[in-house]
Amino acid sequence: MSEETKTLEDLKDIVDPALAAQAGEAETPRVQQIDAQGRAYATGRRKDAVARVWIKPGRGVITVNGRTFETYFARPVLRMVINQPFEVAGREGQYDVFVTVKGGGLSGQAGAVRHGISRALTLYEPDLRGPLKKVGFLTRDSRTVERKKYGRAKARRSFQFSKR
């Protein structure tokens, strides 16, 4: 019966490896991923739109499907959505962006471009992952249009009722 009574002070040095991994202590550091031309590539998605995004250091020129993004996205709100990752990261005008985007409408395409720029920024500068993740730019917005059901006029709307 020579067992010692252990207190919390005695047990504080014991760390469960699974808990240490969750806490981020055993996490491997993220590395920069760039191609031979010095660009970071990422894919962004929103609704039915898919954007392929390449970023590299430059003067802040954004090209979408061969056009400047001011002409492609004419509405100021869509341009603001695209510039949000740079504002959060504090990198306005420091990267040139080349984008090809397909599918969906302009609003979905702007969201896809924002998602792609955010992911490409984290690949070029891994330290920016925290601020971009905190505001939710790295999460793919999974909301899509609900499908039309049979026996309905639209997804949920019924056909007009006729008494006679």
N, C-alpha and C. Protein backbone atom coordinates (compact mmCIF):
# COMPACT_ATOMS: atom_id res chain seq x y z
N MET A 1 0.81 -1.19 0.00
CA MET A 1 0.00 0.00 0.00
C MET A 1 0.86 1.25 0.00
N SER A 2 1.90 1.25 -0.79
CA SER A 2 2.78 2.41 -0.84
C SER A 2 2.48 3.28 -2.07
N GLU A 3 1.21 3.38 -2.44
CA GLU A 3 0.81 4.21 -3.57
C GLU A 3 0.79 5.67 -3.17
N GLU A 4 1.34 6.50 -4.08
CA GLU A 4 1.33 7.93 -3.81
C GLU A 4 0.01 8.53 -4.28
N THR A 5 -0.42 9.52 -3.58
CA THR A 5 -1.60 10.25 -4.03
C THR A 5 -1.13 11.38 -4.94
N LYS A 6 -1.62 11.35 -6.19
CA LYS A 6 -1.17 12.35 -7.16
C LYS A 6 -2.15 13.52 -7.16
N THR A 7 -1.58 14.69 -7.24
CA THR A 7 -2.40 15.90 -7.32
C THR A 7 -2.40 16.41 -8.76
N LEU A 8 -3.17 17.43 -9.01
CA LEU A 8 -3.22 18.01 -10.35
C LEU A 8 -1.87 18.61 -10.74
N GLU A 9 -1.12 19.10 -9.78
CA GLU A 9 0.20 19.65 -10.06
C GLU A 9 1.13 18.57 -10.59
N ASP A 10 1.01 17.36 -10.06
CA ASP A 10 1.87 16.26 -10.50
C ASP A 10 1.49 15.80 -11.91
N LEU A 11 0.23 15.94 -12.29
CA LEU A 11 -0.25 15.43 -13.57
C LEU A 11 -0.22 16.45 -14.69
N LYS A 12 0.19 17.70 -14.43
CA LYS A 12 0.11 18.74 -15.45
C LYS A 12 1.09 18.52 -16.60
N ASP A 13 2.16 17.76 -16.38
CA ASP A 13 3.15 17.53 -17.43
C ASP A 13 2.74 16.42 -18.39
N ILE A 14 1.77 15.60 -18.00
CA ILE A 14 1.32 14.50 -18.86
C ILE A 14 0.37 15.07 -19.90
N VAL A 15 0.67 14.82 -21.19
CA VAL A 15 -0.15 15.35 -22.28
C VAL A 15 -0.55 14.20 -23.18
N ASP A 16 -1.84 14.11 -23.46
CA ASP A 16 -2.35 13.11 -24.38
C ASP A 16 -1.97 13.53 -25.82
N PRO A 17 -1.36 12.65 -26.63
CA PRO A 17 -0.96 13.04 -27.98
C PRO A 17 -2.12 13.49 -28.86
N ALA A 18 -3.31 12.89 -28.70
CA ALA A 18 -4.46 13.28 -29.51
C ALA A 18 -4.89 14.71 -29.16
N LEU A 19 -4.86 15.04 -27.87
CA LEU A 19 -5.22 16.39 -27.45
C LEU A 19 -4.19 17.41 -27.92
N ALA A 20 -2.91 17.01 -27.92
CA ALA A 20 -1.86 17.91 -28.38
C ALA A 20 -2.02 18.23 -29.86
N ALA A 21 -2.44 17.25 -30.66
CA ALA A 21 -2.66 17.47 -32.08
C ALA A 21 -3.85 18.40 -32.31
N GLN A 22 -4.90 18.25 -31.49
CA GLN A 22 -6.06 19.12 -31.61
C GLN A 22 -5.71 20.55 -31.23
N ALA A 23 -4.86 20.71 -30.24
CA ALA A 23 -4.48 22.03 -29.77
C ALA A 23 -3.55 22.73 -30.73
N GLY A 24 -3.00 22.01 -31.70
CA GLY A 24 -2.14 22.63 -32.69
C GLY A 24 -0.67 22.56 -32.35
N GLU A 25 -0.30 21.89 -31.27
CA GLU A 25 1.09 21.82 -30.87
C GLU A 25 1.89 20.93 -31.81
N ALA A 26 1.30 19.84 -32.29
CA ALA A 26 2.01 18.90 -33.14
C ALA A 26 1.73 19.15 -34.62
N GLU A 27 1.17 20.32 -34.95
CA GLU A 27 0.80 20.62 -36.32
C GLU A 27 2.03 20.95 -37.16
N THR A 28 2.08 20.41 -38.37
CA THR A 28 3.20 20.71 -39.24
C THR A 28 3.02 22.10 -39.84
N PRO A 29 4.10 22.84 -40.00
CA PRO A 29 3.96 24.19 -40.55
C PRO A 29 3.56 24.14 -42.02
N ARG A 30 2.72 25.07 -42.42
CA ARG A 30 2.27 25.13 -43.81
C ARG A 30 3.37 25.76 -44.66
N VAL A 31 3.51 25.26 -45.90
CA VAL A 31 4.56 25.76 -46.79
C VAL A 31 3.93 26.43 -47.99
N GLN A 32 4.68 27.34 -48.60
CA GLN A 32 4.24 28.05 -49.78
C GLN A 32 4.18 27.10 -50.96
N GLN A 33 3.10 27.17 -51.74
CA GLN A 33 2.95 26.31 -52.92
C GLN A 33 2.81 27.20 -54.15
N ILE A 34 3.89 27.29 -54.94
CA ILE A 34 3.86 28.08 -56.16
C ILE A 34 4.38 27.24 -57.32
N ASP A 35 3.99 27.62 -58.55
CA ASP A 35 4.43 26.87 -59.72
C ASP A 35 5.72 27.47 -60.28
N ALA A 36 6.15 26.99 -61.46
CA ALA A 36 7.42 27.41 -62.06
C ALA A 36 7.40 28.90 -62.44
N GLN A 37 6.21 29.46 -62.73
CA GLN A 37 6.11 30.88 -63.08
C GLN A 37 5.96 31.78 -61.85
N GLY A 38 6.02 31.21 -60.66
CA GLY A 38 5.90 32.00 -59.43
C GLY A 38 4.47 32.36 -59.08
N ARG A 39 3.51 31.54 -59.54
CA ARG A 39 2.10 31.80 -59.27
C ARG A 39 1.54 30.76 -58.31
N ALA A 40 0.52 31.16 -57.57
CA ALA A 40 -0.23 30.21 -56.74
C ALA A 40 -1.57 29.99 -57.43
N TYR A 41 -2.02 28.74 -57.49
CA TYR A 41 -3.27 28.39 -58.17
C TYR A 41 -4.26 27.83 -57.17
N ALA A 42 -5.53 28.21 -57.33
CA ALA A 42 -6.59 27.66 -56.49
C ALA A 42 -7.90 27.70 -57.27
N THR A 43 -8.83 26.85 -56.85
CA THR A 43 -10.15 26.80 -57.45
C THR A 43 -11.17 27.31 -56.44
N GLY A 44 -12.05 28.19 -56.89
CA GLY A 44 -13.12 28.70 -56.04
C GLY A 44 -14.47 28.29 -56.59
N ARG A 45 -15.42 28.01 -55.70
CA ARG A 45 -16.75 27.59 -56.14
C ARG A 45 -17.82 28.33 -55.35
N ARG A 46 -18.93 28.61 -56.04
CA ARG A 46 -20.09 29.24 -55.41
C ARG A 46 -21.29 29.00 -56.31
N LYS A 47 -22.39 28.50 -55.77
CA LYS A 47 -23.57 28.14 -56.54
C LYS A 47 -23.16 27.21 -57.67
N ASP A 48 -23.40 27.57 -58.92
CA ASP A 48 -23.00 26.72 -60.05
C ASP A 48 -21.73 27.23 -60.72
N ALA A 49 -21.10 28.26 -60.16
CA ALA A 49 -19.92 28.87 -60.78
C ALA A 49 -18.64 28.22 -60.26
N VAL A 50 -17.67 28.07 -61.16
CA VAL A 50 -16.35 27.55 -60.81
C VAL A 50 -15.31 28.52 -61.35
N ALA A 51 -14.43 28.99 -60.48
CA ALA A 51 -13.39 29.94 -60.88
C ALA A 51 -12.02 29.32 -60.68
N ARG A 52 -11.19 29.39 -61.73
CA ARG A 52 -9.79 28.97 -61.62
C ARG A 52 -8.97 30.24 -61.47
N VAL A 53 -8.19 30.34 -60.39
CA VAL A 53 -7.53 31.59 -60.03
C VAL A 53 -6.03 31.37 -59.91
N TRP A 54 -5.25 32.26 -60.56
CA TRP A 54 -3.80 32.29 -60.41
C TRP A 54 -3.44 33.67 -59.86
N ILE A 55 -2.59 33.71 -58.82
CA ILE A 55 -2.11 35.00 -58.31
C ILE A 55 -0.59 35.00 -58.30
N LYS A 56 -0.03 36.20 -58.52
CA LYS A 56 1.42 36.40 -58.43
C LYS A 56 1.66 37.85 -58.01
N PRO A 57 2.79 38.15 -57.42
CA PRO A 57 3.06 39.53 -57.02
C PRO A 57 3.04 40.46 -58.23
N GLY A 58 2.45 41.63 -58.05
CA GLY A 58 2.34 42.56 -59.17
C GLY A 58 1.77 43.90 -58.73
N ARG A 59 1.06 44.55 -59.67
CA ARG A 59 0.54 45.90 -59.43
C ARG A 59 -0.93 45.92 -59.05
N GLY A 60 -1.57 44.77 -58.91
CA GLY A 60 -2.97 44.73 -58.52
C GLY A 60 -3.93 44.62 -59.69
N VAL A 61 -3.45 44.15 -60.85
CA VAL A 61 -4.30 44.00 -62.03
C VAL A 61 -5.09 42.70 -61.91
N ILE A 62 -6.41 42.77 -62.06
CA ILE A 62 -7.26 41.59 -62.01
C ILE A 62 -7.88 41.38 -63.38
N THR A 63 -7.63 40.22 -63.99
CA THR A 63 -8.15 39.89 -65.31
C THR A 63 -9.10 38.71 -65.18
N VAL A 64 -10.34 38.88 -65.67
CA VAL A 64 -11.35 37.83 -65.61
C VAL A 64 -11.76 37.47 -67.03
N ASN A 65 -11.52 36.22 -67.43
CA ASN A 65 -11.85 35.74 -68.77
C ASN A 65 -11.32 36.67 -69.87
N GLY A 66 -10.10 37.15 -69.70
CA GLY A 66 -9.47 37.99 -70.70
C GLY A 66 -9.87 39.46 -70.67
N ARG A 67 -10.74 39.85 -69.76
CA ARG A 67 -11.18 41.24 -69.64
C ARG A 67 -10.80 41.77 -68.26
N THR A 68 -10.73 43.09 -68.12
CA THR A 68 -10.50 43.65 -66.79
C THR A 68 -11.72 43.38 -65.94
N PHE A 69 -11.50 43.25 -64.64
CA PHE A 69 -12.64 42.87 -63.81
C PHE A 69 -13.64 44.01 -63.67
N GLU A 70 -13.24 45.27 -63.96
CA GLU A 70 -14.19 46.38 -63.94
C GLU A 70 -15.21 46.25 -65.06
N THR A 71 -14.78 45.72 -66.22
CA THR A 71 -15.75 45.56 -67.31
C THR A 71 -16.54 44.26 -67.17
N TYR A 72 -15.92 43.20 -66.64
CA TYR A 72 -16.63 41.94 -66.50
C TYR A 72 -17.67 42.02 -65.39
N PHE A 73 -17.28 42.56 -64.24
CA PHE A 73 -18.22 42.75 -63.13
C PHE A 73 -18.54 44.23 -63.04
N ALA A 74 -19.61 44.65 -63.72
CA ALA A 74 -19.94 46.07 -63.82
C ALA A 74 -20.50 46.63 -62.51
N ARG A 75 -21.17 45.81 -61.73
CA ARG A 75 -21.78 46.32 -60.48
C ARG A 75 -20.71 46.52 -59.41
N PRO A 76 -20.73 47.64 -58.72
CA PRO A 76 -19.71 47.91 -57.69
C PRO A 76 -19.73 46.89 -56.55
N VAL A 77 -20.90 46.34 -56.24
CA VAL A 77 -20.99 45.36 -55.16
C VAL A 77 -20.18 44.11 -55.49
N LEU A 78 -20.22 43.67 -56.74
CA LEU A 78 -19.47 42.48 -57.14
C LEU A 78 -17.97 42.74 -57.09
N ARG A 79 -17.56 43.95 -57.49
CA ARG A 79 -16.13 44.30 -57.40
C ARG A 79 -15.67 44.35 -55.95
N MET A 80 -16.55 44.84 -55.07
CA MET A 80 -16.21 44.89 -53.64
C MET A 80 -16.05 43.47 -53.09
N VAL A 81 -16.92 42.54 -53.51
CA VAL A 81 -16.83 41.15 -53.06
C VAL A 81 -15.49 40.55 -53.45
N ILE A 82 -15.04 40.84 -54.67
CA ILE A 82 -13.79 40.27 -55.17
C ILE A 82 -12.59 40.83 -54.42
N ASN A 83 -12.64 42.10 -54.03
CA ASN A 83 -11.50 42.73 -53.34
C ASN A 83 -11.45 42.43 -51.85
N GLN A 84 -12.50 41.82 -51.28
CA GLN A 84 -12.54 41.58 -49.84
C GLN A 84 -11.35 40.78 -49.30
N PRO A 85 -10.91 39.70 -49.95
CA PRO A 85 -9.77 38.96 -49.38
C PRO A 85 -8.50 39.81 -49.26
N PHE A 86 -8.27 40.69 -50.23
CA PHE A 86 -7.09 41.54 -50.18
C PHE A 86 -7.20 42.57 -49.05
N GLU A 87 -8.42 43.08 -48.82
CA GLU A 87 -8.62 44.05 -47.74
C GLU A 87 -8.41 43.40 -46.38
N VAL A 88 -8.95 42.19 -46.20
CA VAL A 88 -8.80 41.49 -44.92
C VAL A 88 -7.33 41.17 -44.66
N ALA A 89 -6.62 40.76 -45.73
CA ALA A 89 -5.21 40.39 -45.58
C ALA A 89 -4.29 41.60 -45.56
N GLY A 90 -4.81 42.78 -45.93
CA GLY A 90 -3.97 43.97 -46.00
C GLY A 90 -3.01 43.93 -47.17
N ARG A 91 -3.44 43.39 -48.30
CA ARG A 91 -2.58 43.23 -49.47
C ARG A 91 -3.18 43.89 -50.72
N GLU A 92 -3.88 45.02 -50.57
CA GLU A 92 -4.49 45.68 -51.72
C GLU A 92 -3.42 46.15 -52.69
N GLY A 93 -3.59 45.82 -53.97
CA GLY A 93 -2.69 46.28 -55.01
C GLY A 93 -1.34 45.60 -55.04
N GLN A 94 -1.16 44.48 -54.35
CA GLN A 94 0.14 43.82 -54.30
C GLN A 94 0.20 42.56 -55.16
N TYR A 95 -0.94 42.09 -55.65
CA TYR A 95 -0.97 40.85 -56.43
C TYR A 95 -1.72 41.07 -57.74
N ASP A 96 -1.18 40.48 -58.81
CA ASP A 96 -1.91 40.39 -60.07
C ASP A 96 -2.70 39.09 -60.03
N VAL A 97 -3.94 39.15 -60.52
CA VAL A 97 -4.84 38.00 -60.46
C VAL A 97 -5.31 37.69 -61.88
N PHE A 98 -5.20 36.43 -62.28
CA PHE A 98 -5.73 35.97 -63.56
C PHE A 98 -6.78 34.91 -63.27
N VAL A 99 -8.00 35.13 -63.79
CA VAL A 99 -9.13 34.26 -63.45
C VAL A 99 -9.82 33.78 -64.72
N THR A 100 -10.17 32.50 -64.75
CA THR A 100 -11.15 32.00 -65.73
C THR A 100 -12.31 31.45 -64.92
N VAL A 101 -13.52 31.91 -65.25
CA VAL A 101 -14.69 31.52 -64.47
C VAL A 101 -15.79 31.07 -65.43
N LYS A 102 -16.49 29.99 -65.04
CA LYS A 102 -17.56 29.42 -65.86
C LYS A 102 -18.75 29.10 -64.99
N GLY A 103 -19.92 29.09 -65.59
CA GLY A 103 -21.13 28.63 -64.92
C GLY A 103 -21.78 29.67 -64.04
N GLY A 104 -23.05 29.49 -63.78
CA GLY A 104 -23.78 30.35 -62.86
C GLY A 104 -23.99 31.75 -63.41
N GLY A 105 -24.40 32.65 -62.54
CA GLY A 105 -24.60 34.05 -62.90
C GLY A 105 -23.46 34.90 -62.36
N LEU A 106 -23.58 36.19 -62.52
CA LEU A 106 -22.50 37.09 -62.11
C LEU A 106 -22.28 37.06 -60.60
N SER A 107 -23.35 36.98 -59.82
CA SER A 107 -23.20 36.97 -58.37
C SER A 107 -22.47 35.70 -57.90
N GLY A 108 -22.85 34.56 -58.43
CA GLY A 108 -22.17 33.32 -58.09
C GLY A 108 -20.74 33.32 -58.56
N GLN A 109 -20.48 33.90 -59.73
CA GLN A 109 -19.13 33.96 -60.25
C GLN A 109 -18.25 34.85 -59.38
N ALA A 110 -18.80 35.97 -58.90
CA ALA A 110 -18.03 36.85 -58.02
C ALA A 110 -17.70 36.13 -56.71
N GLY A 111 -18.65 35.38 -56.17
CA GLY A 111 -18.38 34.60 -54.96
C GLY A 111 -17.34 33.52 -55.20
N ALA A 112 -17.37 32.90 -56.38
CA ALA A 112 -16.39 31.88 -56.71
C ALA A 112 -15.00 32.48 -56.85
N VAL A 113 -14.92 33.66 -57.45
CA VAL A 113 -13.62 34.34 -57.59
C VAL A 113 -13.07 34.72 -56.21
N ARG A 114 -13.93 35.21 -55.32
CA ARG A 114 -13.49 35.55 -53.96
C ARG A 114 -12.96 34.31 -53.23
N HIS A 115 -13.67 33.20 -53.37
CA HIS A 115 -13.24 31.95 -52.74
C HIS A 115 -11.89 31.51 -53.30
N GLY A 116 -11.73 31.60 -54.63
CA GLY A 116 -10.48 31.20 -55.26
C GLY A 116 -9.32 32.09 -54.88
N ILE A 117 -9.55 33.40 -54.82
CA ILE A 117 -8.49 34.34 -54.42
C ILE A 117 -8.06 34.06 -52.99
N SER A 118 -9.02 33.81 -52.12
CA SER A 118 -8.69 33.53 -50.71
C SER A 118 -7.85 32.27 -50.59
N ARG A 119 -8.22 31.22 -51.31
CA ARG A 119 -7.45 29.98 -51.25
C ARG A 119 -6.07 30.14 -51.85
N ALA A 120 -5.97 30.90 -52.96
CA ALA A 120 -4.66 31.12 -53.58
C ALA A 120 -3.76 31.96 -52.68
N LEU A 121 -4.34 32.93 -51.98
CA LEU A 121 -3.54 33.75 -51.05
C LEU A 121 -2.96 32.89 -49.93
N THR A 122 -3.74 31.93 -49.43
CA THR A 122 -3.22 31.09 -48.36
C THR A 122 -2.13 30.15 -48.87
N LEU A 123 -2.16 29.81 -50.15
CA LEU A 123 -1.09 28.99 -50.70
C LEU A 123 0.17 29.81 -50.94
N TYR A 124 0.00 31.09 -51.31
CA TYR A 124 1.16 31.94 -51.55
C TYR A 124 1.76 32.44 -50.23
N GLU A 125 0.88 32.84 -49.31
CA GLU A 125 1.32 33.29 -47.98
C GLU A 125 0.56 32.50 -46.92
N PRO A 126 1.12 31.39 -46.45
CA PRO A 126 0.41 30.54 -45.48
C PRO A 126 0.03 31.26 -44.19
N ASP A 127 0.71 32.36 -43.85
CA ASP A 127 0.39 33.09 -42.62
C ASP A 127 -0.97 33.79 -42.69
N LEU A 128 -1.50 33.98 -43.90
CA LEU A 128 -2.79 34.66 -44.06
C LEU A 128 -3.97 33.74 -43.83
N ARG A 129 -3.73 32.46 -43.61
CA ARG A 129 -4.83 31.51 -43.42
C ARG A 129 -5.72 31.89 -42.23
N GLY A 130 -5.13 32.29 -41.14
CA GLY A 130 -5.89 32.65 -39.94
C GLY A 130 -6.89 33.76 -40.17
N PRO A 131 -6.44 34.94 -40.64
CA PRO A 131 -7.40 36.03 -40.85
C PRO A 131 -8.48 35.72 -41.89
N LEU A 132 -8.10 35.01 -42.97
CA LEU A 132 -9.09 34.69 -44.00
C LEU A 132 -10.08 33.65 -43.52
N LYS A 133 -9.63 32.70 -42.72
CA LYS A 133 -10.52 31.68 -42.18
C LYS A 133 -11.48 32.28 -41.16
N LYS A 134 -10.97 33.26 -40.40
CA LYS A 134 -11.78 33.88 -39.35
C LYS A 134 -13.00 34.59 -39.93
N VAL A 135 -12.86 35.22 -41.10
CA VAL A 135 -13.99 35.92 -41.72
C VAL A 135 -14.79 35.01 -42.64
N GLY A 136 -14.37 33.75 -42.82
CA GLY A 136 -15.16 32.76 -43.54
C GLY A 136 -14.94 32.71 -45.04
N PHE A 137 -13.82 33.25 -45.54
CA PHE A 137 -13.58 33.26 -46.98
C PHE A 137 -13.03 31.94 -47.49
N LEU A 138 -12.57 31.06 -46.63
CA LEU A 138 -12.02 29.79 -47.08
C LEU A 138 -13.07 28.69 -47.10
N THR A 139 -14.25 28.97 -46.58
CA THR A 139 -15.32 27.99 -46.56
C THR A 139 -16.17 28.13 -47.81
N ARG A 140 -16.42 27.03 -48.49
CA ARG A 140 -17.25 27.05 -49.68
C ARG A 140 -18.70 27.19 -49.24
N ASP A 141 -19.37 28.22 -49.74
CA ASP A 141 -20.77 28.44 -49.40
C ASP A 141 -21.60 27.38 -50.13
N SER A 142 -22.18 26.46 -49.38
CA SER A 142 -22.83 25.29 -49.98
C SER A 142 -24.27 25.55 -50.41
N ARG A 143 -24.77 26.77 -50.21
CA ARG A 143 -26.17 27.03 -50.58
C ARG A 143 -26.33 27.05 -52.09
N THR A 144 -27.26 26.27 -52.59
CA THR A 144 -27.55 26.25 -54.02
C THR A 144 -29.06 26.34 -54.21
N VAL A 145 -29.48 26.47 -55.46
CA VAL A 145 -30.90 26.58 -55.77
C VAL A 145 -31.56 25.22 -55.54
N GLU A 146 -32.71 25.24 -54.87
CA GLU A 146 -33.45 24.02 -54.62
C GLU A 146 -34.08 23.52 -55.92
N ARG A 147 -34.07 22.21 -56.11
CA ARG A 147 -34.58 21.67 -57.37
C ARG A 147 -36.10 21.73 -57.42
N LYS A 148 -36.62 21.77 -58.66
CA LYS A 148 -38.06 21.76 -58.87
C LYS A 148 -38.59 20.35 -58.65
N LYS A 149 -39.73 20.24 -57.95
CA LYS A 149 -40.35 18.94 -57.70
C LYS A 149 -41.53 18.74 -58.65
N TYR A 150 -41.82 17.48 -58.93
CA TYR A 150 -42.97 17.18 -59.78
C TYR A 150 -44.24 17.50 -59.01
N GLY A 151 -45.27 17.90 -59.73
CA GLY A 151 -46.54 18.28 -59.09
C GLY A 151 -46.51 19.66 -58.50
N ARG A 152 -45.45 20.42 -58.74
CA ARG A 152 -45.30 21.78 -58.22
C ARG A 152 -44.96 22.71 -59.37
N ALA A 153 -45.33 23.98 -59.23
CA ALA A 153 -45.00 24.96 -60.26
C ALA A 153 -43.51 25.29 -60.24
N LYS A 154 -42.95 25.42 -59.03
CA LYS A 154 -41.51 25.66 -58.86
C LYS A 154 -41.02 24.69 -57.79
N ALA A 155 -40.00 25.06 -57.04
CA ALA A 155 -39.48 24.14 -56.03
C ALA A 155 -40.51 23.87 -54.94
N ARG A 156 -41.19 24.94 -54.49
CA ARG A 156 -42.17 24.78 -53.41
C ARG A 156 -43.55 25.31 -53.77
N ARG A 157 -43.63 26.20 -54.74
CA ARG A 157 -44.89 26.84 -55.07
C ARG A 157 -45.83 25.84 -55.73
N SER A 158 -47.09 25.82 -55.27
CA SER A 158 -48.11 24.95 -55.87
C SER A 158 -48.72 25.63 -57.09
N PHE A 159 -49.36 24.84 -57.92
CA PHE A 159 -50.11 25.42 -59.02
C PHE A 159 -51.30 26.19 -58.46
N GLN A 160 -51.80 27.17 -59.21
CA GLN A 160 -52.91 27.99 -58.73
C GLN A 160 -54.16 27.13 -58.57
N PHE A 161 -54.82 27.31 -57.42
CA PHE A 161 -56.02 26.54 -57.13
C PHE A 161 -57.21 27.12 -57.87
N SER A 162 -58.01 26.26 -58.51
CA SER A 162 -59.20 26.70 -59.19
C SER A 162 -60.41 26.02 -58.56
N LYS A 163 -61.36 26.82 -58.08
CA LYS A 163 -62.53 26.25 -57.43
C LYS A 163 -63.46 25.64 -58.47
N ARG A 164 -63.54 26.23 -59.64
CA ARG A 164 -64.42 25.72 -60.69
C ARG A 164 -63.64 25.44 -61.95
